[in-house]
Amino acid sequence: SPRDCGLRSVLLFHTSRVSGVGFSPSGDRLFTYGGNEQDGFLVAVWQDFECGLEPRQDVHGELPLVCDSPSTVEAAGKVGGNAMIMAATCPLGTTSAESVYFVVYDGGLASSGSGAVLDFWSCIGTESGLDLSKKFGVFCGAPNERPRRVLCCKWMPSGVKCLVCGDN
C-alpha cells in the first residue's frame, strides 16, 4: 500500500529530464535515460543503488542513500527518445553475467525535422565490467513510406525480437 512506500535512494546524475527508467530482470541494475537536444542524451547504468534495503524513514528520520556516480555512462546522441522499454535477459554461456536489452524510442513525440527515433541498446556483463552499446533502428522502404514517429515498442517473450509500431 502507499503507506508502506519509502524513499530508499536518490540518484543525482541527469541534468535535464529523465525519459526512461528500467530495471534489469534480475533487479541488480537500474538503467536511466535522459538529457536534452542542446546538451545531448545519456544512458546511465546503476549497480549500487541499494534497492534491496528496507524502506528508510521519512525526512524526520534517516535520510536516503544519495548516489551520484553511475557505474557506466554512454552518450546517446543529440536526438533523443521519450520512452524506453526493457527486454528479458539472456545468460552468457557458462558465466553468471547477464545480457540486458532495451529500446529507446520517440513515443510519438518526434519533431518533424528529426524523424523517428529508434535505438536498440545492449548491456553485456563481462568479467571486466559492462559493455554498453547502441545500434540505430532502420526502417525500409521509400522515404514517404517510413514512419515519421515510433508510437510504441514491445519485446517478444524471448527477448530477441522487438515489435515496433510507427505512424506515417
Protein backbone atom coordinates (compact mmCIF):
# COMPACT_ATOMS: atom_id res chain seq x y z
CA SER A 1 0.00 0.00 0.00
CA PRO A 2 1.17 3.63 -0.39
CA ARG A 3 1.71 3.89 3.38
CA ASP A 4 4.35 1.15 3.14
CA CYS A 5 6.33 3.02 0.48
CA GLY A 6 9.51 4.79 1.45
CA LEU A 7 12.35 6.61 -0.21
CA ARG A 8 15.34 4.27 -0.46
CA SER A 9 17.80 6.22 -2.57
CA VAL A 10 18.16 9.37 -4.64
CA LEU A 11 20.04 9.23 -7.94
CA LEU A 12 21.64 12.54 -8.92
CA PHE A 13 23.11 12.47 -12.39
CA HIS A 14 21.00 13.63 -15.33
CA THR A 15 20.95 17.44 -15.56
CA SER A 16 17.75 17.53 -17.61
CA ARG A 17 14.62 15.41 -17.99
CA VAL A 18 14.73 11.66 -17.48
CA SER A 19 12.77 9.92 -20.24
CA GLY A 20 13.23 6.31 -19.27
CA VAL A 21 13.94 4.15 -16.25
CA GLY A 22 14.09 0.37 -16.14
CA PHE A 23 15.43 -2.47 -14.03
CA SER A 24 17.31 -5.46 -15.36
CA PRO A 25 15.14 -8.56 -14.86
CA SER A 26 17.42 -9.70 -12.03
CA GLY A 27 16.85 -6.33 -10.32
CA ASP A 28 20.52 -5.66 -9.63
CA ARG A 29 20.93 -2.95 -12.28
CA LEU A 30 18.93 0.19 -12.94
CA PHE A 31 19.07 1.91 -16.33
CA THR A 32 18.23 5.60 -16.75
CA TYR A 33 17.97 7.58 -19.98
CA GLY A 34 17.79 11.35 -20.07
CA GLY A 35 19.02 14.65 -21.42
CA ASN A 36 18.02 17.29 -23.94
CA GLU A 37 18.76 18.27 -27.55
CA GLN A 38 21.22 21.01 -26.53
CA ASP A 39 23.44 19.02 -24.15
CA GLY A 40 22.80 15.56 -25.58
CA PHE A 41 21.29 12.40 -24.11
CA LEU A 42 22.95 9.82 -21.85
CA VAL A 43 22.30 6.26 -20.74
CA ALA A 44 23.45 5.54 -17.19
CA VAL A 45 23.73 2.12 -15.54
CA TRP A 46 23.45 1.99 -11.76
CA GLN A 47 24.59 -1.05 -9.79
CA ASP A 48 24.90 0.21 -6.21
CA PHE A 49 21.63 1.98 -5.56
CA GLU A 50 20.57 -0.16 -2.57
CA CYS A 51 17.22 -1.26 -3.95
CA GLY A 52 17.03 -4.28 -1.69
CA LEU A 53 17.13 -2.38 1.60
CA GLU A 54 14.15 -1.92 3.84
CA PRO A 55 12.39 1.41 3.24
CA ARG A 56 14.07 4.24 5.12
CA GLN A 57 12.32 6.60 7.46
CA ASP A 58 10.75 9.87 6.39
CA VAL A 59 12.58 13.23 6.38
CA HIS A 60 12.46 13.39 10.17
CA GLY A 61 14.43 10.13 10.44
CA GLU A 62 17.29 8.65 8.49
CA LEU A 63 17.99 10.22 5.09
CA PRO A 64 18.01 8.10 1.92
CA LEU A 65 21.20 7.00 0.23
CA VAL A 66 22.30 9.59 -2.36
CA CYS A 67 24.06 8.20 -5.44
CA ASP A 68 25.71 10.49 -7.97
CA SER A 69 28.08 8.14 -9.80
CA PRO A 70 26.56 5.54 -12.11
CA SER A 71 28.77 2.54 -12.82
CA THR A 72 28.60 3.06 -16.60
CA VAL A 73 27.62 6.06 -18.78
CA GLU A 74 27.28 6.17 -22.55
CA ALA A 75 26.45 9.13 -24.79
CA ALA A 76 23.24 8.56 -26.72
CA GLY A 77 23.44 11.47 -29.18
CA LYS A 78 21.71 14.82 -29.68
CA VAL A 79 18.34 13.48 -30.89
CA GLY A 80 16.62 11.74 -28.04
CA GLY A 81 13.75 9.47 -27.31
CA ASN A 82 10.86 9.94 -24.95
CA ALA A 83 10.26 6.34 -23.90
CA MET A 84 12.19 3.19 -23.03
CA ILE A 85 11.24 -0.49 -22.75
CA MET A 86 13.35 -3.27 -21.26
CA ALA A 87 13.63 -6.83 -22.59
CA ALA A 88 14.30 -10.14 -20.85
CA THR A 89 17.85 -11.19 -20.05
CA CYS A 90 19.77 -13.97 -21.73
CA PRO A 91 22.56 -15.81 -19.87
CA LEU A 92 26.02 -15.56 -21.37
CA GLY A 93 27.30 -19.09 -21.80
CA THR A 94 28.58 -20.52 -18.56
CA THR A 95 29.24 -17.22 -16.77
CA SER A 96 26.91 -15.59 -14.25
CA ALA A 97 26.88 -12.31 -16.19
CA GLU A 98 23.67 -11.26 -17.85
CA SER A 99 22.78 -9.50 -21.06
CA VAL A 100 20.17 -6.76 -20.90
CA TYR A 101 18.48 -5.30 -23.96
CA PHE A 102 16.31 -2.21 -24.20
CA VAL A 103 14.91 0.16 -26.81
CA VAL A 104 14.74 3.94 -26.61
CA TYR A 105 12.16 5.47 -28.94
CA ASP A 106 10.37 8.77 -29.51
CA GLY A 107 6.97 7.68 -28.16
CA GLY A 108 5.13 9.56 -30.90
CA LEU A 109 6.75 12.88 -29.93
CA ALA A 110 9.41 13.09 -32.66
CA SER A 111 9.83 16.55 -34.12
CA SER A 112 9.12 16.90 -37.81
CA GLY A 113 12.77 17.61 -38.64
CA SER A 114 14.40 14.81 -36.65
CA GLY A 115 12.29 11.88 -37.79
CA ALA A 116 11.63 8.68 -35.88
CA VAL A 117 13.94 7.73 -33.00
CA LEU A 118 14.59 4.01 -32.58
CA ASP A 119 17.78 2.97 -30.76
CA PHE A 120 18.47 -0.63 -29.71
CA TRP A 121 20.79 -0.88 -26.71
CA SER A 122 22.59 -3.86 -25.24
CA CYS A 123 24.39 -4.11 -21.93
CA ILE A 124 26.60 -7.18 -21.76
CA GLY A 125 28.10 -8.15 -18.45
CA THR A 126 31.68 -9.35 -18.84
CA GLU A 127 34.35 -10.35 -16.36
CA SER A 128 36.00 -6.93 -16.82
CA GLY A 129 32.79 -4.89 -16.41
CA LEU A 130 29.86 -3.79 -18.57
CA ASP A 131 29.83 -3.31 -22.33
CA LEU A 132 27.06 -0.82 -23.21
CA SER A 133 26.42 -0.26 -26.92
CA LYS A 134 23.77 1.12 -29.28
CA LYS A 135 22.55 0.27 -32.77
CA PHE A 136 20.20 2.51 -34.72
CA GLY A 137 16.89 1.08 -35.88
CA VAL A 138 16.46 1.38 -39.63
CA PHE A 139 13.16 1.44 -41.49
CA CYS A 140 13.00 0.05 -45.03
CA GLY A 141 11.00 1.41 -47.92
CA ALA A 142 10.74 4.70 -49.72
CA PRO A 143 11.17 7.83 -47.54
CA ASN A 144 7.46 8.67 -47.80
CA GLU A 145 6.58 5.12 -46.60
CA ARG A 146 8.78 5.13 -43.50
CA PRO A 147 7.30 6.01 -40.09
CA ARG A 148 7.63 9.63 -39.00
CA ARG A 149 7.35 8.60 -35.35
CA VAL A 150 7.63 5.43 -33.28
CA LEU A 151 4.47 5.13 -31.21
CA CYS A 152 5.24 2.01 -29.20
CA CYS A 153 7.55 -0.98 -28.95
CA LYS A 154 7.06 -4.40 -27.38
CA TRP A 155 9.64 -7.14 -26.91
CA MET A 156 8.69 -10.70 -27.75
CA PRO A 157 8.72 -13.01 -24.68
CA SER A 158 12.03 -14.49 -25.85
CA GLY A 159 13.62 -11.03 -25.63
CA VAL A 160 15.21 -11.49 -29.05
CA LYS A 161 12.73 -9.71 -31.33
CA CYS A 162 11.00 -6.37 -30.88
CA LEU A 163 7.72 -5.28 -32.49
CA VAL A 164 7.77 -1.60 -33.47
CA CYS A 165 4.62 0.39 -34.32
CA GLY A 166 5.00 3.64 -36.23
CA ASP A 167 2.92 6.48 -37.64
CA ASN A 168 3.37 7.64 -41.20
